[in-house]
Amino acid sequence: AKGQPATFNSSGVIKGFTAALVGHKVGSQVIVIIPPDKGYGSAGSPPDIGGKDTLVFVVDILGIA
């Protein structure tokens, strides 16, 4: 949920998301900007994400498993 901590496997997210977090440490806050070709591609992820949408995330790294 938006604004809540989430746990995920790095192989289960879009490729641009994982690449953006490499090298950052626990305690870091990272602004992740993912262009369409590194996100969901031209197909998007309907109905909320279009094929030309750039994705923006603010990620607080709370831990690494």
Foldseek 3Di string as FASTA:
>chain_A
DPPDDDDDDLVPAFQQVSVQCPPDDQQDKGKGKAFLVRHVACPFDPDPGHNGDIDIDTDHRHDDD
